[in-house]
Amino acid sequence: MRERMAPGGRVALAIQPRMKGSTDAKAVRLAEENVERLRTAGFGDLRVETLDLRPVDCGVAVGRVS
C-alpha cells in the first residue's frame, strides 16, 4: 500500500475490539501492534490515537509516507 501512496500521504488503521471482555486498554494495545506493522512496512511519523466510543474505545494507528 505504501508504494502506491504519494509522499506525505497518511494511513489510519482503526480497530474497535468487540470480543467478549474487550477493554479500552485492549483497543490501545491493538493500535500499538498496528503501529509496529506500519513501521515494518516503511511508514514514518507514527502515532496511536483513540476515539472515545462505546462500548469500547477505538484504537487508531496513524502513519505517513516519508
N, C-alpha and C. Protein backbone atom coordinates (compact mmCIF):
# COMPACT_ATOMS: atom_id res chain seq x y z
N MET A 1 0.83 -1.18 0.00
CA MET A 1 0.00 0.00 0.00
C MET A 1 0.88 1.25 0.00
N ARG A 2 1.94 1.24 0.82
CA ARG A 2 2.80 2.43 0.92
C ARG A 2 3.38 2.81 -0.43
N GLU A 3 3.75 1.82 -1.21
CA GLU A 3 4.34 2.09 -2.53
C GLU A 3 3.37 2.78 -3.47
N ARG A 4 2.09 2.63 -3.26
CA ARG A 4 1.07 3.23 -4.12
C ARG A 4 0.66 4.63 -3.65
N MET A 5 1.13 5.03 -2.47
CA MET A 5 0.72 6.31 -1.89
C MET A 5 1.71 7.41 -2.25
N ALA A 6 1.20 8.63 -2.33
CA ALA A 6 2.03 9.80 -2.61
C ALA A 6 2.84 10.16 -1.37
N PRO A 7 4.04 10.75 -1.55
CA PRO A 7 4.81 11.23 -0.41
C PRO A 7 3.96 12.16 0.46
N GLY A 8 4.03 11.96 1.76
CA GLY A 8 3.23 12.76 2.68
C GLY A 8 1.85 12.20 2.94
N GLY A 9 1.46 11.18 2.17
CA GLY A 9 0.15 10.56 2.36
C GLY A 9 0.05 9.88 3.71
N ARG A 10 -1.13 9.82 4.26
CA ARG A 10 -1.35 9.22 5.58
C ARG A 10 -2.24 8.00 5.47
N VAL A 11 -2.03 7.10 6.42
CA VAL A 11 -2.89 5.94 6.55
C VAL A 11 -3.32 5.86 8.00
N ALA A 12 -4.56 5.44 8.22
CA ALA A 12 -5.08 5.26 9.58
C ALA A 12 -5.75 3.90 9.63
N LEU A 13 -5.29 3.07 10.56
CA LEU A 13 -5.87 1.75 10.78
C LEU A 13 -6.63 1.79 12.09
N ALA A 14 -7.93 1.71 12.00
CA ALA A 14 -8.79 1.82 13.19
C ALA A 14 -9.33 0.45 13.56
N ILE A 15 -9.33 0.18 14.87
CA ILE A 15 -9.87 -1.09 15.35
C ILE A 15 -10.61 -0.85 16.67
N GLN A 16 -11.83 -1.36 16.70
CA GLN A 16 -12.63 -1.30 17.92
C GLN A 16 -12.95 -2.75 18.31
N PRO A 17 -12.21 -3.29 19.28
CA PRO A 17 -12.44 -4.69 19.65
C PRO A 17 -13.84 -4.88 20.21
N ARG A 18 -14.50 -5.90 19.73
CA ARG A 18 -15.88 -6.15 20.18
C ARG A 18 -16.04 -7.55 20.76
N MET A 19 -14.91 -8.24 20.98
CA MET A 19 -14.98 -9.57 21.57
C MET A 19 -15.42 -9.46 23.03
N LYS A 20 -15.95 -10.54 23.55
CA LYS A 20 -16.35 -10.56 24.95
C LYS A 20 -15.15 -10.23 25.83
N GLY A 21 -15.32 -9.32 26.77
CA GLY A 21 -14.25 -8.93 27.67
C GLY A 21 -13.33 -7.85 27.14
N SER A 22 -13.63 -7.28 25.97
CA SER A 22 -12.78 -6.23 25.41
C SER A 22 -12.79 -5.00 26.31
N THR A 23 -11.65 -4.30 26.31
CA THR A 23 -11.50 -3.10 27.14
C THR A 23 -10.89 -1.98 26.31
N ASP A 24 -10.93 -0.77 26.86
CA ASP A 24 -10.28 0.36 26.20
C ASP A 24 -8.78 0.11 26.06
N ALA A 25 -8.19 -0.50 27.09
CA ALA A 25 -6.75 -0.80 27.05
C ALA A 25 -6.43 -1.79 25.93
N LYS A 26 -7.31 -2.73 25.68
CA LYS A 26 -7.11 -3.69 24.58
C LYS A 26 -7.10 -2.96 23.24
N ALA A 27 -7.97 -1.98 23.08
CA ALA A 27 -8.01 -1.20 21.84
C ALA A 27 -6.69 -0.48 21.61
N VAL A 28 -6.11 0.07 22.67
CA VAL A 28 -4.83 0.77 22.56
C VAL A 28 -3.71 -0.23 22.22
N ARG A 29 -3.71 -1.38 22.88
CA ARG A 29 -2.68 -2.40 22.58
C ARG A 29 -2.73 -2.85 21.13
N LEU A 30 -3.94 -3.05 20.61
CA LEU A 30 -4.07 -3.46 19.21
C LEU A 30 -3.58 -2.36 18.27
N ALA A 31 -3.86 -1.10 18.61
CA ALA A 31 -3.37 0.01 17.79
C ALA A 31 -1.85 0.08 17.84
N GLU A 32 -1.26 -0.17 19.01
CA GLU A 32 0.19 -0.17 19.13
C GLU A 32 0.81 -1.28 18.27
N GLU A 33 0.16 -2.44 18.23
CA GLU A 33 0.63 -3.53 17.36
C GLU A 33 0.57 -3.10 15.90
N ASN A 34 -0.49 -2.40 15.53
CA ASN A 34 -0.61 -1.93 14.15
C ASN A 34 0.43 -0.86 13.83
N VAL A 35 0.81 -0.03 14.80
CA VAL A 35 1.89 0.93 14.59
C VAL A 35 3.17 0.19 14.22
N GLU A 36 3.45 -0.90 14.92
CA GLU A 36 4.65 -1.68 14.60
C GLU A 36 4.57 -2.28 13.21
N ARG A 37 3.39 -2.71 12.80
CA ARG A 37 3.21 -3.22 11.44
C ARG A 37 3.46 -2.12 10.41
N LEU A 38 2.96 -0.93 10.69
CA LEU A 38 3.21 0.20 9.78
C LEU A 38 4.70 0.54 9.73
N ARG A 39 5.38 0.49 10.86
CA ARG A 39 6.82 0.75 10.90
C ARG A 39 7.56 -0.25 10.02
N THR A 40 7.20 -1.52 10.16
CA THR A 40 7.82 -2.58 9.36
C THR A 40 7.57 -2.36 7.87
N ALA A 41 6.41 -1.81 7.53
CA ALA A 41 6.06 -1.56 6.13
C ALA A 41 6.70 -0.28 5.58
N GLY A 42 7.45 0.45 6.44
CA GLY A 42 8.17 1.62 5.97
C GLY A 42 7.49 2.96 6.18
N PHE A 43 6.41 2.98 6.95
CA PHE A 43 5.75 4.25 7.26
C PHE A 43 6.51 4.95 8.39
N GLY A 44 6.39 6.26 8.45
CA GLY A 44 7.02 7.05 9.50
C GLY A 44 5.99 7.94 10.17
N ASP A 45 6.47 8.85 11.03
CA ASP A 45 5.61 9.79 11.75
C ASP A 45 4.43 9.04 12.38
N LEU A 46 4.74 7.98 13.10
CA LEU A 46 3.73 7.07 13.64
C LEU A 46 3.20 7.53 14.98
N ARG A 47 1.92 7.25 15.20
CA ARG A 47 1.32 7.57 16.50
C ARG A 47 0.07 6.72 16.70
N VAL A 48 -0.35 6.66 17.95
CA VAL A 48 -1.60 5.99 18.32
C VAL A 48 -2.57 7.05 18.80
N GLU A 49 -3.78 6.99 18.32
CA GLU A 49 -4.85 7.86 18.78
C GLU A 49 -6.00 6.98 19.26
N THR A 50 -6.88 7.55 20.05
CA THR A 50 -8.07 6.80 20.46
C THR A 50 -9.31 7.64 20.18
N LEU A 51 -10.36 6.95 19.84
CA LEU A 51 -11.66 7.57 19.66
C LEU A 51 -12.54 7.09 20.81
N ASP A 52 -13.12 8.01 21.53
CA ASP A 52 -13.95 7.70 22.69
C ASP A 52 -15.31 7.20 22.21
N LEU A 53 -15.41 5.89 22.07
CA LEU A 53 -16.65 5.27 21.60
C LEU A 53 -17.14 4.28 22.65
N ARG A 54 -18.31 3.79 22.47
CA ARG A 54 -18.88 2.78 23.37
C ARG A 54 -19.39 1.63 22.52
N PRO A 55 -19.29 0.42 22.98
CA PRO A 55 -18.99 0.06 24.36
C PRO A 55 -17.50 0.09 24.70
N VAL A 56 -16.64 0.16 23.69
CA VAL A 56 -15.19 0.17 23.91
C VAL A 56 -14.58 1.21 22.98
N ASP A 57 -13.52 1.87 23.45
CA ASP A 57 -12.82 2.84 22.60
C ASP A 57 -12.32 2.20 21.32
N CYS A 58 -12.03 3.03 20.35
CA CYS A 58 -11.44 2.61 19.09
C CYS A 58 -9.98 3.06 19.09
N GLY A 59 -9.07 2.13 18.86
CA GLY A 59 -7.65 2.47 18.77
C GLY A 59 -7.28 2.70 17.32
N VAL A 60 -6.51 3.75 17.06
CA VAL A 60 -6.15 4.11 15.70
C VAL A 60 -4.63 4.24 15.58
N ALA A 61 -4.07 3.50 14.63
CA ALA A 61 -2.65 3.62 14.29
C ALA A 61 -2.54 4.52 13.07
N VAL A 62 -1.76 5.58 13.19
CA VAL A 62 -1.62 6.56 12.11
C VAL A 62 -0.16 6.60 11.66
N GLY A 63 0.05 6.60 10.35
CA GLY A 63 1.40 6.70 9.80
C GLY A 63 1.41 7.55 8.55
N ARG A 64 2.62 7.95 8.15
CA ARG A 64 2.77 8.82 6.99
C ARG A 64 3.86 8.25 6.09
N VAL A 65 3.67 8.43 4.78
CA VAL A 65 4.68 8.04 3.81
C VAL A 65 5.79 9.08 3.84
N SER A 66 7.02 8.61 3.97
CA SER A 66 8.18 9.54 4.01
C SER A 66 8.48 10.07 2.64
